[in-house]
Amino acid sequence: MQLWIEQTIQQLKNHEFEALDIQHLIEKLVDLGKAEKNALKSNLTILLAHLLKLRVQYDVPNRMKGSWYSSILEHRQRVLNNLADTRSVKSFLIEAVEKAYPDARKLGIKEGKLTKFGIRIPQESEYPTD
C-alpha cells in the first residue's frame, strides 16, 4: 500500500495522469474522508458522554469527576486538533455532533449503570435526549 501511495504521489507530481489508477485513488480519497469524519465523531462521542455524566452524576466523588474532567480535556483537544488539521471536517461539525450525541447518551447511560460502592445509579430519563 505504501509503495502504491508513493508511486501515485510521484505520478501526480510528474503530471503522469494517464498512468494513475483513478478508481483506486478515488476509493482511497473517499476512505480518507470517512476516517477523518469518524475520528471527529468518535472524539465527540466520548467528550459528550463525559459531559453528560458530569451533568447527571453530579453527586459522585471528586475522584470520579477528576477522571471525567481529564477525559473531557483530552477529547476536546483532539476535536480541536482534528478541526485545525483537517479543515474540510469543519463543515461536518454540526452533523458530527448530531450523530455523536445519541451514541454519547447511550455510553453515558451504560457507564452510569456500572456505578458501584453505594453511588446512585441514574435513571435513563435523567440523560437529556438532545
N, C-alpha and C. Protein backbone atom coordinates (compact mmCIF):
# COMPACT_ATOMS: atom_id res chain seq x y z
N MET A 1 0.83 -1.19 0.00
CA MET A 1 0.00 0.00 0.00
C MET A 1 0.88 1.26 0.00
N GLN A 2 1.88 1.29 0.86
CA GLN A 2 2.76 2.46 0.94
C GLN A 2 3.45 2.71 -0.39
N LEU A 3 3.86 1.64 -1.04
CA LEU A 3 4.51 1.77 -2.35
C LEU A 3 3.54 2.40 -3.36
N TRP A 4 2.28 1.95 -3.35
CA TRP A 4 1.28 2.50 -4.26
C TRP A 4 1.09 3.98 -3.99
N ILE A 5 1.03 4.37 -2.72
CA ILE A 5 0.85 5.78 -2.36
C ILE A 5 2.02 6.61 -2.89
N GLU A 6 3.23 6.15 -2.63
CA GLU A 6 4.41 6.88 -3.09
C GLU A 6 4.43 6.99 -4.61
N GLN A 7 4.07 5.91 -5.27
CA GLN A 7 4.03 5.90 -6.74
C GLN A 7 2.98 6.89 -7.25
N THR A 8 1.83 6.90 -6.63
CA THR A 8 0.75 7.80 -7.04
C THR A 8 1.15 9.25 -6.83
N ILE A 9 1.77 9.55 -5.71
CA ILE A 9 2.24 10.92 -5.46
C ILE A 9 3.23 11.34 -6.53
N GLN A 10 4.15 10.45 -6.86
CA GLN A 10 5.15 10.77 -7.89
C GLN A 10 4.49 10.99 -9.25
N GLN A 11 3.51 10.16 -9.57
CA GLN A 11 2.80 10.32 -10.84
C GLN A 11 2.08 11.66 -10.89
N LEU A 12 1.47 12.05 -9.78
CA LEU A 12 0.79 13.34 -9.73
C LEU A 12 1.78 14.49 -9.88
N LYS A 13 2.90 14.41 -9.17
CA LYS A 13 3.93 15.45 -9.27
C LYS A 13 4.47 15.57 -10.69
N ASN A 14 4.59 14.45 -11.37
CA ASN A 14 5.14 14.43 -12.73
C ASN A 14 4.09 14.65 -13.81
N HIS A 15 2.85 14.91 -13.38
CA HIS A 15 1.74 15.12 -14.32
C HIS A 15 1.53 13.90 -15.23
N GLU A 16 1.75 12.72 -14.68
CA GLU A 16 1.55 11.47 -15.42
C GLU A 16 0.14 10.95 -15.13
N PHE A 17 -0.82 11.73 -15.50
CA PHE A 17 -2.21 11.44 -15.16
C PHE A 17 -2.73 10.17 -15.82
N GLU A 18 -2.25 9.89 -17.02
CA GLU A 18 -2.71 8.68 -17.72
C GLU A 18 -2.25 7.41 -17.03
N ALA A 19 -1.21 7.49 -16.20
CA ALA A 19 -0.69 6.30 -15.50
C ALA A 19 -1.38 6.07 -14.16
N LEU A 20 -2.18 7.01 -13.73
CA LEU A 20 -2.84 6.89 -12.42
C LEU A 20 -3.91 5.80 -12.41
N ASP A 21 -4.00 5.12 -11.29
CA ASP A 21 -5.09 4.17 -11.06
C ASP A 21 -6.23 4.98 -10.44
N ILE A 22 -7.01 5.63 -11.30
CA ILE A 22 -8.02 6.60 -10.87
C ILE A 22 -9.05 5.97 -9.93
N GLN A 23 -9.55 4.79 -10.25
CA GLN A 23 -10.58 4.17 -9.41
C GLN A 23 -10.05 3.91 -8.00
N HIS A 24 -8.84 3.40 -7.91
CA HIS A 24 -8.23 3.12 -6.61
C HIS A 24 -7.98 4.44 -5.85
N LEU A 25 -7.54 5.45 -6.56
CA LEU A 25 -7.29 6.75 -5.96
C LEU A 25 -8.58 7.34 -5.40
N ILE A 26 -9.66 7.24 -6.14
CA ILE A 26 -10.96 7.72 -5.67
C ILE A 26 -11.38 6.98 -4.40
N GLU A 27 -11.24 5.66 -4.40
CA GLU A 27 -11.60 4.86 -3.24
C GLU A 27 -10.80 5.27 -2.01
N LYS A 28 -9.51 5.50 -2.18
CA LYS A 28 -8.65 5.88 -1.06
C LYS A 28 -9.01 7.27 -0.54
N LEU A 29 -9.33 8.19 -1.43
CA LEU A 29 -9.73 9.53 -1.00
C LEU A 29 -11.05 9.50 -0.24
N VAL A 30 -11.99 8.68 -0.72
CA VAL A 30 -13.27 8.53 -0.02
C VAL A 30 -13.03 7.95 1.37
N ASP A 31 -12.18 6.91 1.44
CA ASP A 31 -11.86 6.29 2.73
C ASP A 31 -11.20 7.29 3.68
N LEU A 32 -10.33 8.11 3.15
CA LEU A 32 -9.64 9.11 3.96
C LEU A 32 -10.64 10.10 4.55
N GLY A 33 -11.57 10.54 3.72
CA GLY A 33 -12.60 11.45 4.21
C GLY A 33 -13.45 10.81 5.30
N LYS A 34 -13.81 9.54 5.12
CA LYS A 34 -14.59 8.83 6.13
C LYS A 34 -13.80 8.69 7.43
N ALA A 35 -12.52 8.39 7.32
CA ALA A 35 -11.69 8.20 8.51
C ALA A 35 -11.61 9.49 9.31
N GLU A 36 -11.46 10.62 8.64
CA GLU A 36 -11.40 11.90 9.34
C GLU A 36 -12.73 12.21 10.03
N LYS A 37 -13.82 11.95 9.35
CA LYS A 37 -15.14 12.19 9.95
C LYS A 37 -15.38 11.25 11.13
N ASN A 38 -14.97 9.98 10.99
CA ASN A 38 -15.14 9.02 12.08
C ASN A 38 -14.31 9.40 13.29
N ALA A 39 -13.10 9.91 13.08
CA ALA A 39 -12.25 10.33 14.19
C ALA A 39 -12.92 11.48 14.94
N LEU A 40 -13.46 12.43 14.21
CA LEU A 40 -14.15 13.56 14.84
C LEU A 40 -15.35 13.07 15.63
N LYS A 41 -16.17 12.22 15.04
CA LYS A 41 -17.37 11.71 15.71
C LYS A 41 -17.00 10.90 16.95
N SER A 42 -15.97 10.09 16.86
CA SER A 42 -15.54 9.28 17.99
C SER A 42 -15.10 10.14 19.17
N ASN A 43 -14.31 11.16 18.90
CA ASN A 43 -13.86 12.05 19.97
C ASN A 43 -15.02 12.86 20.54
N LEU A 44 -15.93 13.28 19.69
CA LEU A 44 -17.12 14.00 20.17
C LEU A 44 -17.99 13.10 21.05
N THR A 45 -18.10 11.84 20.68
CA THR A 45 -18.91 10.90 21.46
C THR A 45 -18.39 10.79 22.89
N ILE A 46 -17.10 10.60 23.04
CA ILE A 46 -16.52 10.46 24.38
C ILE A 46 -16.61 11.79 25.14
N LEU A 47 -16.31 12.88 24.46
CA LEU A 47 -16.42 14.20 25.07
C LEU A 47 -17.83 14.44 25.60
N LEU A 48 -18.82 14.22 24.76
CA LEU A 48 -20.21 14.44 25.15
C LEU A 48 -20.66 13.48 26.25
N ALA A 49 -20.22 12.22 26.18
CA ALA A 49 -20.60 11.24 27.20
C ALA A 49 -20.12 11.68 28.58
N HIS A 50 -18.89 12.16 28.65
CA HIS A 50 -18.37 12.56 29.95
C HIS A 50 -18.97 13.90 30.42
N LEU A 51 -19.30 14.77 29.49
CA LEU A 51 -20.03 15.98 29.88
C LEU A 51 -21.41 15.63 30.43
N LEU A 52 -22.07 14.67 29.81
CA LEU A 52 -23.37 14.20 30.29
C LEU A 52 -23.25 13.59 31.68
N LYS A 53 -22.22 12.77 31.87
CA LYS A 53 -22.04 12.13 33.17
C LYS A 53 -21.82 13.17 34.26
N LEU A 54 -21.06 14.21 33.96
CA LEU A 54 -20.87 15.29 34.94
C LEU A 54 -22.19 15.97 35.27
N ARG A 55 -23.02 16.13 34.26
CA ARG A 55 -24.31 16.80 34.48
C ARG A 55 -25.27 15.91 35.28
N VAL A 56 -25.33 14.63 34.91
CA VAL A 56 -26.31 13.73 35.52
C VAL A 56 -25.81 13.17 36.86
N GLN A 57 -24.54 12.80 36.90
CA GLN A 57 -23.99 12.19 38.11
C GLN A 57 -23.17 13.22 38.90
N TYR A 58 -23.76 14.36 39.12
CA TYR A 58 -23.11 15.47 39.81
C TYR A 58 -22.71 15.12 41.24
N ASP A 59 -23.32 14.09 41.81
CA ASP A 59 -23.09 13.76 43.22
C ASP A 59 -22.05 12.66 43.44
N VAL A 60 -21.30 12.30 42.41
CA VAL A 60 -20.27 11.27 42.58
C VAL A 60 -19.04 11.86 43.26
N PRO A 61 -18.19 11.00 43.81
CA PRO A 61 -16.97 11.51 44.45
C PRO A 61 -16.07 12.26 43.45
N ASN A 62 -15.29 13.18 43.99
CA ASN A 62 -14.42 14.01 43.16
C ASN A 62 -13.41 13.20 42.36
N ARG A 63 -12.98 12.05 42.87
CA ARG A 63 -12.00 11.26 42.12
C ARG A 63 -12.60 10.75 40.80
N MET A 64 -13.88 10.44 40.82
CA MET A 64 -14.55 10.02 39.58
C MET A 64 -14.68 11.22 38.63
N LYS A 65 -15.09 12.34 39.18
CA LYS A 65 -15.21 13.55 38.36
C LYS A 65 -13.88 13.94 37.76
N GLY A 66 -12.81 13.78 38.52
CA GLY A 66 -11.48 14.12 38.02
C GLY A 66 -11.12 13.33 36.79
N SER A 67 -11.47 12.07 36.78
CA SER A 67 -11.22 11.22 35.62
C SER A 67 -12.00 11.72 34.41
N TRP A 68 -13.25 12.10 34.64
CA TRP A 68 -14.08 12.60 33.54
C TRP A 68 -13.55 13.93 33.02
N TYR A 69 -13.13 14.80 33.94
CA TYR A 69 -12.56 16.09 33.52
C TYR A 69 -11.32 15.88 32.66
N SER A 70 -10.48 14.94 33.06
CA SER A 70 -9.27 14.65 32.27
C SER A 70 -9.64 14.17 30.88
N SER A 71 -10.62 13.30 30.81
CA SER A 71 -11.08 12.80 29.51
C SER A 71 -11.67 13.93 28.67
N ILE A 72 -12.43 14.81 29.31
CA ILE A 72 -13.03 15.94 28.59
C ILE A 72 -11.93 16.82 27.99
N LEU A 73 -10.93 17.13 28.79
CA LEU A 73 -9.83 17.97 28.29
C LEU A 73 -9.11 17.29 27.12
N GLU A 74 -8.84 16.01 27.26
CA GLU A 74 -8.15 15.27 26.20
C GLU A 74 -8.96 15.24 24.92
N HIS A 75 -10.23 14.89 25.01
CA HIS A 75 -11.04 14.74 23.79
C HIS A 75 -11.44 16.08 23.20
N ARG A 76 -11.56 17.10 24.03
CA ARG A 76 -11.80 18.44 23.50
C ARG A 76 -10.60 18.87 22.65
N GLN A 77 -9.40 18.60 23.15
CA GLN A 77 -8.19 18.94 22.40
C GLN A 77 -8.10 18.13 21.11
N ARG A 78 -8.48 16.86 21.17
CA ARG A 78 -8.47 16.04 19.96
C ARG A 78 -9.42 16.59 18.90
N VAL A 79 -10.61 17.02 19.35
CA VAL A 79 -11.58 17.62 18.42
C VAL A 79 -11.00 18.89 17.81
N LEU A 80 -10.42 19.75 18.64
CA LEU A 80 -9.84 20.99 18.14
C LEU A 80 -8.70 20.70 17.16
N ASN A 81 -7.87 19.72 17.48
CA ASN A 81 -6.78 19.35 16.57
C ASN A 81 -7.31 18.82 15.25
N ASN A 82 -8.34 18.00 15.33
CA ASN A 82 -8.95 17.44 14.12
C ASN A 82 -9.51 18.54 13.24
N LEU A 83 -10.16 19.51 13.85
CA LEU A 83 -10.72 20.63 13.09
C LEU A 83 -9.63 21.51 12.50
N ALA A 84 -8.54 21.68 13.23
CA ALA A 84 -7.44 22.52 12.74
C ALA A 84 -6.63 21.80 11.65
N ASP A 85 -6.41 20.51 11.84
CA ASP A 85 -5.58 19.75 10.90
C ASP A 85 -6.30 19.40 9.61
N THR A 86 -7.60 19.25 9.69
CA THR A 86 -8.39 18.83 8.52
C THR A 86 -9.55 19.80 8.37
N ARG A 87 -9.27 20.89 7.70
CA ARG A 87 -10.28 21.96 7.60
C ARG A 87 -11.59 21.49 6.97
N SER A 88 -11.52 20.47 6.13
CA SER A 88 -12.74 20.02 5.46
C SER A 88 -13.76 19.43 6.42
N VAL A 89 -13.33 18.99 7.62
CA VAL A 89 -14.31 18.43 8.55
C VAL A 89 -15.08 19.51 9.30
N LYS A 90 -14.65 20.77 9.21
CA LYS A 90 -15.39 21.85 9.88
C LYS A 90 -16.84 21.90 9.40
N SER A 91 -17.03 21.68 8.11
CA SER A 91 -18.39 21.72 7.58
C SER A 91 -19.22 20.53 8.06
N PHE A 92 -18.57 19.52 8.61
CA PHE A 92 -19.23 18.31 9.11
C PHE A 92 -19.51 18.40 10.61
N LEU A 93 -19.04 19.44 11.28
CA LEU A 93 -19.09 19.51 12.75
C LEU A 93 -20.51 19.40 13.30
N ILE A 94 -21.44 20.15 12.79
CA ILE A 94 -22.81 20.12 13.31
C ILE A 94 -23.41 18.73 13.10
N GLU A 95 -23.22 18.18 11.91
CA GLU A 95 -23.71 16.82 11.64
C GLU A 95 -23.03 15.81 12.56
N ALA A 96 -21.74 15.98 12.79
CA ALA A 96 -20.99 15.06 13.65
C ALA A 96 -21.53 15.09 15.08
N VAL A 97 -21.83 16.29 15.59
CA VAL A 97 -22.40 16.41 16.93
C VAL A 97 -23.76 15.72 16.98
N GLU A 98 -24.58 15.95 15.95
CA GLU A 98 -25.91 15.33 15.90
C GLU A 98 -25.82 13.81 15.85
N LYS A 99 -24.80 13.30 15.15
CA LYS A 99 -24.62 11.85 15.07
C LYS A 99 -23.97 11.28 16.33
N ALA A 100 -23.10 12.05 16.96
CA ALA A 100 -22.38 11.57 18.14
C ALA A 100 -23.24 11.58 19.39
N TYR A 101 -24.17 12.54 19.50
CA TYR A 101 -24.90 12.69 20.75
C TYR A 101 -25.70 11.44 21.16
N PRO A 102 -26.46 10.81 20.26
CA PRO A 102 -27.19 9.61 20.69
C PRO A 102 -26.24 8.51 21.20
N ASP A 103 -25.10 8.36 20.53
CA ASP A 103 -24.13 7.37 20.99
C ASP A 103 -23.53 7.77 22.33
N ALA A 104 -23.29 9.06 22.51
CA ALA A 104 -22.75 9.56 23.78
C ALA A 104 -23.75 9.33 24.91
N ARG A 105 -25.00 9.56 24.63
CA ARG A 105 -26.05 9.34 25.64
C ARG A 105 -26.10 7.87 26.03
N LYS A 106 -26.07 6.98 25.03
CA LYS A 106 -26.07 5.54 25.32
C LYS A 106 -24.85 5.15 26.15
N LEU A 107 -23.69 5.70 25.80
CA LEU A 107 -22.47 5.40 26.53
C LEU A 107 -22.55 5.91 27.97
N GLY A 108 -23.05 7.12 28.14
CA GLY A 108 -23.21 7.68 29.48
C GLY A 108 -24.14 6.83 30.33
N ILE A 109 -25.25 6.39 29.75
CA ILE A 109 -26.20 5.54 30.47
C ILE A 109 -25.55 4.22 30.83
N LYS A 110 -24.87 3.62 29.87
CA LYS A 110 -24.22 2.32 30.09
C LYS A 110 -23.17 2.42 31.20
N GLU A 111 -22.33 3.45 31.14
CA GLU A 111 -21.31 3.62 32.16
C GLU A 111 -21.93 3.97 33.51
N GLY A 112 -23.02 4.73 33.50
CA GLY A 112 -23.71 5.08 34.73
C GLY A 112 -24.25 3.86 35.46
N LYS A 113 -24.65 2.85 34.70
CA LYS A 113 -25.18 1.62 35.29
C LYS A 113 -24.08 0.77 35.93
N LEU A 114 -22.83 1.07 35.61
CA LEU A 114 -21.71 0.31 36.17
C LEU A 114 -21.26 0.87 37.52
N THR A 115 -21.91 1.93 37.97
CA THR A 115 -21.54 2.58 39.22
C THR A 115 -21.64 1.59 40.38
N LYS A 116 -20.65 1.69 41.28
CA LYS A 116 -20.59 0.77 42.43
C LYS A 116 -20.40 1.55 43.72
N PHE A 117 -20.24 0.82 44.78
CA PHE A 117 -19.87 1.36 46.10
C PHE A 117 -20.89 2.36 46.64
N GLY A 118 -22.16 2.07 46.47
CA GLY A 118 -23.19 2.91 47.06
C GLY A 118 -23.47 4.21 46.33
N ILE A 119 -22.89 4.39 45.17
CA ILE A 119 -23.14 5.60 44.39
C ILE A 119 -24.45 5.43 43.63
N ARG A 120 -25.24 6.47 43.63
CA ARG A 120 -26.56 6.44 42.98
C ARG A 120 -26.43 6.11 41.48
N ILE A 121 -27.27 5.19 41.02
CA ILE A 121 -27.32 4.86 39.59
C ILE A 121 -28.45 5.69 38.98
N PRO A 122 -28.09 6.58 38.05
CA PRO A 122 -29.11 7.47 37.47
C PRO A 122 -30.11 6.70 36.60
N GLN A 123 -31.30 7.24 36.51
CA GLN A 123 -32.32 6.70 35.61
C GLN A 123 -32.01 7.19 34.17
N GLU A 124 -32.38 6.39 33.20
CA GLU A 124 -32.15 6.79 31.80
C GLU A 124 -32.83 8.12 31.49
N SER A 125 -33.95 8.36 32.09
CA SER A 125 -34.70 9.60 31.82
C SER A 125 -33.95 10.84 32.29
N GLU A 126 -32.92 10.69 33.14
CA GLU A 126 -32.15 11.84 33.60
C GLU A 126 -31.19 12.35 32.52
N TYR A 127 -30.92 11.54 31.53
CA TYR A 127 -30.00 11.93 30.46
C TYR A 127 -30.80 12.60 29.35
N PRO A 128 -30.55 13.87 29.08
CA PRO A 128 -31.30 14.58 28.03
C PRO A 128 -31.22 13.85 26.69
N THR A 129 -32.34 13.85 25.98
CA THR A 129 -32.35 13.17 24.67
C THR A 129 -31.77 14.03 23.56
N ASP A 130 -31.58 15.29 23.83
CA ASP A 130 -30.91 16.17 22.82
C ASP A 130 -30.14 17.25 23.51
